[in-house]
Amino acid sequence: MLYYVYAYIRSVDSNTAKAGTPYYIGKGKGKRAYQKHTFPIPKDKSRIIFMETGLSDIGALALERRYIRWYGRKNIGTGILHNLT
């Protein structure tokens, strides 16, 4: 099965980012993007976007890491994402 990289998109402005920006980036296959995680899944499923699809496991992991570095993590003060790693 092929992997993908997905994002959960903010529906409203927050104190650190504007509506329409991602709050979580993930890697998955199958229905992973729609399953319960540590961070809330958007109620409006149109706020789940697939950034890259048709990837190998290693390719998806590399792109997930690149997107997280690009947007930065809130917990370490580098950006807007809630990702912890």
PDB file of N, CA and C in Angstrom:
ATOM      1  N   MET A   1       0.844  -1.193   0.000  1.00  0.00           N
ATOM      2  CA  MET A   1       0.000   0.000   0.000  1.00  0.00           C
ATOM      3  C   MET A   1       0.884   1.249   0.000  1.00  0.00           C
ATOM      4  N   LEU A   2       0.464   2.245  -0.723  1.00  0.00           N
ATOM      5  CA  LEU A   2       1.218   3.492  -0.808  1.00  0.00           C
ATOM      6  C   LEU A   2       0.848   4.441   0.327  1.00  0.00           C
ATOM      7  N   TYR A   3       1.759   5.340   0.627  1.00  0.00           N
ATOM      8  CA  TYR A   3       1.610   6.297   1.721  1.00  0.00           C
ATOM      9  C   TYR A   3       1.295   7.687   1.180  1.00  0.00           C
ATOM     10  N   TYR A   4       0.920   8.586   2.114  1.00  0.00           N
ATOM     11  CA  TYR A   4       0.654   9.978   1.763  1.00  0.00           C
ATOM     12  C   TYR A   4       1.062  10.873   2.930  1.00  0.00           C
ATOM     13  N   VAL A   5       1.150  12.165   2.639  1.00  0.00           N
ATOM     14  CA  VAL A   5       1.388  13.191   3.663  1.00  0.00           C
ATOM     15  C   VAL A   5       0.160  14.095   3.640  1.00  0.00           C
ATOM     16  N   TYR A   6      -0.397  14.357   4.816  1.00  0.00           N
ATOM     17  CA  TYR A   6      -1.626  15.135   4.910  1.00  0.00           C
ATOM     18  C   TYR A   6      -1.470  16.269   5.925  1.00  0.00           C
ATOM     19  N   ALA A   7      -2.395  17.220   5.856  1.00  0.00           N
ATOM     20  CA  ALA A   7      -2.407  18.348   6.793  1.00  0.00           C
ATOM     21  C   ALA A   7      -3.822  18.593   7.270  1.00  0.00           C
ATOM     22  N   TYR A   8      -3.929  18.986   8.540  1.00  0.00           N
ATOM     23  CA  TYR A   8      -5.183  19.475   9.106  1.00  0.00           C
ATOM     24  C   TYR A   8      -5.097  20.996   9.057  1.00  0.00           C
ATOM     25  N   ILE A   9      -6.123  21.624   8.496  1.00  0.00           N
ATOM     26  CA  ILE A   9      -6.109  23.058   8.234  1.00  0.00           C
ATOM     27  C   ILE A   9      -6.997  23.810   9.227  1.00  0.00           C
ATOM     28  N   ARG A  10      -6.478  24.913   9.753  1.00  0.00           N
ATOM     29  CA  ARG A  10      -7.238  25.756  10.690  1.00  0.00           C
ATOM     30  C   ARG A  10      -8.455  26.362  10.001  1.00  0.00           C
ATOM     31  N   SER A  11      -9.562  26.411  10.739  1.00  0.00           N
ATOM     32  CA  SER A  11     -10.773  27.033  10.190  1.00  0.00           C
ATOM     33  C   SER A  11     -10.912  28.485  10.643  1.00  0.00           C
ATOM     34  N   VAL A  12     -10.210  28.854  11.716  1.00  0.00           N
ATOM     35  CA  VAL A  12     -10.249  30.226  12.233  1.00  0.00           C
ATOM     36  C   VAL A  12      -8.834  30.675  12.592  1.00  0.00           C
ATOM     37  N   ASP A  13      -8.664  31.981  12.677  1.00  0.00           N
ATOM     38  CA  ASP A  13      -7.375  32.514  13.106  1.00  0.00           C
ATOM     39  C   ASP A  13      -7.109  32.090  14.553  1.00  0.00           C
ATOM     40  N   SER A  14      -5.834  31.859  14.861  1.00  0.00           N
ATOM     41  CA  SER A  14      -5.428  31.613  16.244  1.00  0.00           C
ATOM     42  C   SER A  14      -4.443  32.715  16.616  1.00  0.00           C
ATOM     43  N   ASN A  15      -3.939  32.678  17.835  1.00  0.00           N
ATOM     44  CA  ASN A  15      -2.985  33.718  18.232  1.00  0.00           C
ATOM     45  C   ASN A  15      -1.634  33.539  17.555  1.00  0.00           C
ATOM     46  N   THR A  16      -1.393  32.387  16.916  1.00  0.00           N
ATOM     47  CA  THR A  16      -0.102  32.167  16.252  1.00  0.00           C
ATOM     48  C   THR A  16      -0.192  31.985  14.747  1.00  0.00           C
ATOM     49  N   ALA A  17      -1.405  31.783  14.215  1.00  0.00           N
ATOM     50  CA  ALA A  17      -1.509  31.525  12.774  1.00  0.00           C
ATOM     51  C   ALA A  17      -2.895  31.890  12.249  1.00  0.00           C
ATOM     52  N   LYS A  18      -2.958  32.120  10.975  1.00  0.00           N
ATOM     53  CA  LYS A  18      -4.198  32.505  10.293  1.00  0.00           C
ATOM     54  C   LYS A  18      -5.016  31.284   9.887  1.00  0.00           C
ATOM     55  N   ALA A  19      -6.316  31.482   9.732  1.00  0.00           N
ATOM     56  CA  ALA A  19      -7.185  30.448   9.168  1.00  0.00           C
ATOM     57  C   ALA A  19      -6.634  30.061   7.799  1.00  0.00           C
ATOM     58  N   GLY A  20      -6.749  28.786   7.465  1.00  0.00           N
ATOM     59  CA  GLY A  20      -6.250  28.315   6.175  1.00  0.00           C
ATOM     60  C   GLY A  20      -4.833  27.780   6.227  1.00  0.00           C
ATOM     61  N   THR A  21      -4.170  27.915   7.380  1.00  0.00           N
ATOM     62  CA  THR A  21      -2.824  27.360   7.542  1.00  0.00           C
ATOM     63  C   THR A  21      -2.922  26.018   8.271  1.00  0.00           C
ATOM     64  N   PRO A  22      -1.930  25.150   8.096  1.00  0.00           N
ATOM     65  CA  PRO A  22      -1.991  23.857   8.773  1.00  0.00           C
ATOM     66  C   PRO A  22      -1.712  23.972  10.269  1.00  0.00           C
ATOM     67  N   TYR A  23      -2.350  23.089  11.055  1.00  0.00           N
ATOM     68  CA  TYR A  23      -2.009  22.991  12.472  1.00  0.00           C
ATOM     69  C   TYR A  23      -1.388  21.638  12.793  1.00  0.00           C
ATOM     70  N   TYR A  24      -1.458  20.698  11.855  1.00  0.00           N
ATOM     71  CA  TYR A  24      -0.855  19.387  12.056  1.00  0.00           C
ATOM     72  C   TYR A  24      -0.500  18.806  10.697  1.00  0.00           C
ATOM     73  N   ILE A  25       0.683  18.191  10.592  1.00  0.00           N
ATOM     74  CA  ILE A  25       1.129  17.489   9.385  1.00  0.00           C
ATOM     75  C   ILE A  25       1.336  16.034   9.783  1.00  0.00           C
ATOM     76  N   GLY A  26       0.852  15.111   8.960  1.00  0.00           N
ATOM     77  CA  GLY A  26       1.023  13.699   9.270  1.00  0.00           C
ATOM     78  C   GLY A  26       1.338  12.872   8.049  1.00  0.00           C
ATOM     79  N   LYS A  27       1.759  11.639   8.305  1.00  0.00           N
ATOM     80  CA  LYS A  27       2.046  10.648   7.272  1.00  0.00           C
ATOM     81  C   LYS A  27       1.105   9.479   7.513  1.00  0.00           C
ATOM     82  N   GLY A  28       0.576   8.913   6.461  1.00  0.00           N
ATOM     83  CA  GLY A  28      -0.316   7.785   6.674  1.00  0.00           C
ATOM     84  C   GLY A  28      -0.549   6.973   5.426  1.00  0.00           C
ATOM     85  N   LYS A  29      -1.377   5.946   5.609  1.00  0.00           N
ATOM     86  CA  LYS A  29      -1.857   5.127   4.499  1.00  0.00           C
ATOM     87  C   LYS A  29      -3.270   4.706   4.852  1.00  0.00           C
ATOM     88  N   GLY A  30      -4.023   4.312   3.867  1.00  0.00           N
ATOM     89  CA  GLY A  30      -5.406   3.937   4.129  1.00  0.00           C
ATOM     90  C   GLY A  30      -6.201   5.111   4.679  1.00  0.00           C
ATOM     91  N   LYS A  31      -6.897   4.904   5.811  1.00  0.00           N
ATOM     92  CA  LYS A  31      -7.765   5.945   6.387  1.00  0.00           C
ATOM     93  C   LYS A  31      -7.119   6.701   7.545  1.00  0.00           C
ATOM     94  N   ARG A  32      -5.816   6.623   7.684  1.00  0.00           N
ATOM     95  CA  ARG A  32      -5.122   7.240   8.816  1.00  0.00           C
ATOM     96  C   ARG A  32      -5.485   8.708   9.019  1.00  0.00           C
ATOM     97  N   ALA A  33      -5.594   9.472   7.977  1.00  0.00           N
ATOM     98  CA  ALA A  33      -5.881  10.912   8.094  1.00  0.00           C
ATOM     99  C   ALA A  33      -7.226  11.182   8.759  1.00  0.00           C
ATOM    100  N   TYR A  34      -8.118  10.199   8.743  1.00  0.00           N
ATOM    101  CA  TYR A  34      -9.464  10.371   9.287  1.00  0.00           C
ATOM    102  C   TYR A  34      -9.657   9.686  10.642  1.00  0.00           C
ATOM    103  N   GLN A  35      -8.609   9.052  11.161  1.00  0.00           N
ATOM    104  CA  GLN A  35      -8.704   8.323  12.424  1.00  0.00           C
ATOM    105  C   GLN A  35      -8.239   9.169  13.595  1.00  0.00           C
ATOM    106  N   LYS A  36      -8.730   8.822  14.789  1.00  0.00           N
ATOM    107  CA  LYS A  36      -8.388   9.559  16.008  1.00  0.00           C
ATOM    108  C   LYS A  36      -6.882   9.565  16.258  1.00  0.00           C
ATOM    109  N   HIS A  37      -6.362  10.749  16.632  1.00  0.00           N
ATOM    110  CA  HIS A  37      -4.958  10.938  17.000  1.00  0.00           C
ATOM    111  C   HIS A  37      -4.892  11.744  18.281  1.00  0.00           C
ATOM    112  N   THR A  38      -3.672  12.214  18.526  1.00  0.00           N
ATOM    113  CA  THR A  38      -3.425  13.099  19.663  1.00  0.00           C
ATOM    114  C   THR A  38      -4.102  14.455  19.449  1.00  0.00           C
ATOM    115  N   PHE A  39      -4.135  14.928  18.218  1.00  0.00           N
ATOM    116  CA  PHE A  39      -4.704  16.243  17.901  1.00  0.00           C
ATOM    117  C   PHE A  39      -6.064  16.074  17.246  1.00  0.00           C
ATOM    118  N   PRO A  40      -6.961  17.018  17.485  1.00  0.00           N
ATOM    119  CA  PRO A  40      -8.324  16.868  16.948  1.00  0.00           C
ATOM    120  C   PRO A  40      -8.366  16.856  15.423  1.00  0.00           C
ATOM    121  N   ILE A  41      -9.190  15.966  14.916  1.00  0.00           N
ATOM    122  CA  ILE A  41      -9.430  15.882  13.477  1.00  0.00           C
ATOM    123  C   ILE A  41     -10.449  16.960  13.132  1.00  0.00           C
ATOM    124  N   PRO A  42     -10.254  17.684  12.040  1.00  0.00           N
ATOM    125  CA  PRO A  42     -11.248  18.710  11.674  1.00  0.00           C
ATOM    126  C   PRO A  42     -12.634  18.100  11.494  1.00  0.00           C
ATOM    127  N   LYS A  43     -13.644  18.748  12.063  1.00  0.00           N
ATOM    128  CA  LYS A  43     -15.025  18.280  11.871  1.00  0.00           C
ATOM    129  C   LYS A  43     -15.411  18.374  10.397  1.00  0.00           C
ATOM    130  N   ASP A  44     -14.976  19.449   9.756  1.00  0.00           N
ATOM    131  CA  ASP A  44     -15.203  19.644   8.323  1.00  0.00           C
ATOM    132  C   ASP A  44     -14.087  18.903   7.579  1.00  0.00           C
ATOM    133  N   LYS A  45     -14.424  17.764   6.996  1.00  0.00           N
ATOM    134  CA  LYS A  45     -13.412  16.919   6.349  1.00  0.00           C
ATOM    135  C   LYS A  45     -12.727  17.606   5.163  1.00  0.00           C
ATOM    136  N   SER A  46     -13.303  18.701   4.660  1.00  0.00           N
ATOM    137  CA  SER A  46     -12.621  19.429   3.581  1.00  0.00           C
ATOM    138  C   SER A  46     -11.380  20.155   4.122  1.00  0.00           C
ATOM    139  N   ARG A  47     -11.214  20.189   5.432  1.00  0.00           N
ATOM    140  CA  ARG A  47     -10.044  20.801   6.059  1.00  0.00           C
ATOM    141  C   ARG A  47      -8.914  19.792   6.268  1.00  0.00           C
ATOM    142  N   ILE A  48      -9.071  18.600   5.702  1.00  0.00           N
ATOM    143  CA  ILE A  48      -7.985  17.612   5.652  1.00  0.00           C
ATOM    144  C   ILE A  48      -7.510  17.604   4.209  1.00  0.00           C
ATOM    145  N   ILE A  49      -6.259  18.000   4.003  1.00  0.00           N
ATOM    146  CA  ILE A  49      -5.746  18.019   2.631  1.00  0.00           C
ATOM    147  C   ILE A  49      -4.591  17.038   2.496  1.00  0.00           C
ATOM    148  N   PHE A  50      -4.508  16.447   1.331  1.00  0.00           N
ATOM    149  CA  PHE A  50      -3.432  15.517   1.026  1.00  0.00           C
ATOM    150  C   PHE A  50      -2.381  16.286   0.237  1.00  0.00           C
ATOM    151  N   MET A  51      -1.241  16.485   0.869  1.00  0.00           N
ATOM    152  CA  MET A  51      -0.189  17.307   0.282  1.00  0.00           C
ATOM    153  C   MET A  51       0.622  16.526  -0.750  1.00  0.00           C
ATOM    154  N   GLU A  52       0.837  15.243  -0.484  1.00  0.00           N
ATOM    155  CA  GLU A  52       1.572  14.360  -1.397  1.00  0.00           C
ATOM    156  C   GLU A  52       0.950  12.976  -1.288  1.00  0.00           C
ATOM    157  N   THR A  53       0.836  12.282  -2.405  1.00  0.00           N
ATOM    158  CA  THR A  53       0.263  10.933  -2.407  1.00  0.00           C
ATOM    159  C   THR A  53       1.121  10.003  -3.257  1.00  0.00           C
ATOM    160  N   GLY A  54       0.855   8.698  -3.150  1.00  0.00           N
ATOM    161  CA  GLY A  54       1.558   7.714  -3.976  1.00  0.00           C
ATOM    162  C   GLY A  54       3.009   7.525  -3.577  1.00  0.00           C
ATOM    163  N   LEU A  55       3.295   7.626  -2.284  1.00  0.00           N
ATOM    164  CA  LEU A  55       4.676   7.618  -1.804  1.00  0.00           C
ATOM    165  C   LEU A  55       5.062   6.291  -1.156  1.00  0.00           C
ATOM    166  N   SER A  56       6.358   6.011  -1.146  1.00  0.00           N
ATOM    167  CA  SER A  56       6.883   4.903  -0.348  1.00  0.00           C
ATOM    168  C   SER A  56       6.884   5.353   1.111  1.00  0.00           C
ATOM    169  N   ASP A  57       7.041   4.417   2.029  1.00  0.00           N
ATOM    170  CA  ASP A  57       7.098   4.744   3.449  1.00  0.00           C
ATOM    171  C   ASP A  57       8.230   5.736   3.726  1.00  0.00           C
ATOM    172  N   ILE A  58       9.392   5.473   3.201  1.00  0.00           N
ATOM    173  CA  ILE A  58      10.549   6.356   3.436  1.00  0.00           C
ATOM    174  C   ILE A  58      10.337   7.712   2.779  1.00  0.00           C
ATOM    175  N   GLY A  59       9.786   7.733   1.579  1.00  0.00           N
ATOM    176  CA  GLY A  59       9.505   8.998   0.904  1.00  0.00           C
ATOM    177  C   GLY A  59       8.508   9.844   1.669  1.00  0.00           C
ATOM    178  N   ALA A  60       7.447   9.203   2.192  1.00  0.00           N
ATOM    179  CA  ALA A  60       6.435   9.930   2.966  1.00  0.00           C
ATOM    180  C   ALA A  60       7.040  10.474   4.259  1.00  0.00           C
ATOM    181  N   LEU A  61       7.862   9.676   4.926  1.00  0.00           N
ATOM    182  CA  LEU A  61       8.507  10.126   6.158  1.00  0.00           C
ATOM    183  C   LEU A  61       9.400  11.342   5.891  1.00  0.00           C
ATOM    184  N   ALA A  62      10.165  11.292   4.812  1.00  0.00           N
ATOM    185  CA  ALA A  62      11.055  12.413   4.474  1.00  0.00           C
ATOM    186  C   ALA A  62      10.254  13.686   4.186  1.00  0.00           C
ATOM    187  N   LEU A  63       9.168  13.567   3.433  1.00  0.00           N
ATOM    188  CA  LEU A  63       8.361  14.749   3.115  1.00  0.00           C
ATOM    189  C   LEU A  63       7.632  15.278   4.344  1.00  0.00           C
ATOM    190  N   GLU A  64       7.137  14.391   5.197  1.00  0.00           N
ATOM    191  CA  GLU A  64       6.497  14.824   6.438  1.00  0.00           C
ATOM    192  C   GLU A  64       7.484  15.661   7.260  1.00  0.00           C
ATOM    193  N   ARG A  65       8.691  15.167   7.403  1.00  0.00           N
ATOM    194  CA  ARG A  65       9.714  15.891   8.168  1.00  0.00           C
ATOM    195  C   ARG A  65      10.033  17.239   7.528  1.00  0.00           C
ATOM    196  N   ARG A  66      10.096  17.280   6.203  1.00  0.00           N
ATOM    197  CA  ARG A  66      10.388  18.532   5.499  1.00  0.00           C
ATOM    198  C   ARG A  66       9.287  19.566   5.734  1.00  0.00           C
ATOM    199  N   TYR A  67       8.019  19.139   5.625  1.00  0.00           N
ATOM    200  CA  TYR A  67       6.902  20.064   5.863  1.00  0.00           C
ATOM    201  C   TYR A  67       6.897  20.558   7.312  1.00  0.00           C
ATOM    202  N   ILE A  68       7.190  19.672   8.252  1.00  0.00           N
ATOM    203  CA  ILE A  68       7.213  20.086   9.661  1.00  0.00           C
ATOM    204  C   ILE A  68       8.323  21.107   9.893  1.00  0.00           C
ATOM    205  N   ARG A  69       9.476  20.884   9.309  1.00  0.00           N
ATOM    206  CA  ARG A  69      10.562  21.886   9.421  1.00  0.00           C
ATOM    207  C   ARG A  69      10.150  23.204   8.767  1.00  0.00           C
ATOM    208  N   TRP A  70       9.479  23.120   7.619  1.00  0.00           N
ATOM    209  CA  TRP A  70       9.069  24.328   6.887  1.00  0.00           C
ATOM    210  C   TRP A  70       8.111  25.180   7.722  1.00  0.00           C
ATOM    211  N   TYR A  71       7.068  24.564   8.279  1.00  0.00           N
ATOM    212  CA  TYR A  71       6.069  25.310   9.052  1.00  0.00           C
ATOM    213  C   TYR A  71       6.480  25.538  10.500  1.00  0.00           C
ATOM    214  N   GLY A  72       7.340  24.714  11.024  1.00  0.00           N
ATOM    215  CA  GLY A  72       7.823  24.841  12.400  1.00  0.00           C
ATOM    216  C   GLY A  72       6.825  24.328  13.422  1.00  0.00           C
ATOM    217  N   ARG A  73       7.351  24.077  14.634  1.00  0.00           N
ATOM    218  CA  ARG A  73       6.536  23.518  15.714  1.00  0.00           C
ATOM    219  C   ARG A  73       6.321  24.544  16.815  1.00  0.00           C
ATOM    220  N   LYS A  74       5.085  24.611  17.300  1.00  0.00           N
ATOM    221  CA  LYS A  74       4.750  25.545  18.385  1.00  0.00           C
ATOM    222  C   LYS A  74       5.482  25.195  19.678  1.00  0.00           C
ATOM    223  N   ASN A  75       5.594  23.905  19.994  1.00  0.00           N
ATOM    224  CA  ASN A  75       6.152  23.504  21.287  1.00  0.00           C
ATOM    225  C   ASN A  75       7.629  23.851  21.457  1.00  0.00           C
ATOM    226  N   ILE A  76       8.327  24.109  20.362  1.00  0.00           N
ATOM    227  CA  ILE A  76       9.735  24.522  20.484  1.00  0.00           C
ATOM    228  C   ILE A  76       9.941  25.956  19.981  1.00  0.00           C
ATOM    229  N   GLY A  77       8.833  26.634  19.710  1.00  0.00           N
ATOM    230  CA  GLY A  77       8.900  28.039  19.336  1.00  0.00           C
ATOM    231  C   GLY A  77       9.396  28.333  17.940  1.00  0.00           C
ATOM    232  N   THR A  78       9.284  27.343  17.022  1.00  0.00           N
ATOM    233  CA  THR A  78       9.788  27.572  15.668  1.00  0.00           C
ATOM    234  C   THR A  78       8.692  27.781  14.626  1.00  0.00           C
ATOM    235  N   GLY A  79       7.411  27.667  15.028  1.00  0.00           N
ATOM    236  CA  GLY A  79       6.379  27.808  14.011  1.00  0.00           C
ATOM    237  C   GLY A  79       4.961  27.608  14.507  1.00  0.00           C
ATOM    238  N   ILE A  80       4.110  27.060  13.608  1.00  0.00           N
ATOM    239  CA  ILE A  80       2.658  27.054  13.817  1.00  0.00           C
ATOM    240  C   ILE A  80       2.037  25.678  14.021  1.00  0.00           C
ATOM    241  N   LEU A  81       2.820  24.606  13.923  1.00  0.00           N
ATOM    242  CA  LEU A  81       2.262  23.255  14.004  1.00  0.00           C
ATOM    243  C   LEU A  81       2.213  22.734  15.433  1.00  0.00           C
ATOM    244  N   HIS A  82       1.226  21.882  15.708  1.00  0.00           N
ATOM    245  CA  HIS A  82       1.103  21.224  17.008  1.00  0.00           C
ATOM    246  C   HIS A  82       1.883  19.913  17.062  1.00  0.00           C
ATOM    247  N   ASN A  83       2.535  19.530  15.947  1.00  0.00           N
ATOM    248  CA  ASN A  83       3.323  18.288  15.945  1.00  0.00           C
ATOM    249  C   ASN A  83       4.339  18.334  17.075  1.00  0.00           C
ATOM    250  N   LEU A  84       4.542  17.189  17.724  1.00  0.00           N
ATOM    251  CA  LEU A  84       5.502  17.119  18.815  1.00  0.00           C
ATOM    252  C   LEU A  84       6.872  16.607  18.354  1.00  0.00           C
ATOM    253  N   THR A  85       6.894  15.880  17.252  1.00  0.00           N
ATOM    254  CA  THR A  85       8.177  15.404  16.718  1.00  0.00           C
ATOM    255  C   THR A  85       8.191  15.568  15.228  1.00  0.00           C
TER     256      THR A  85
END
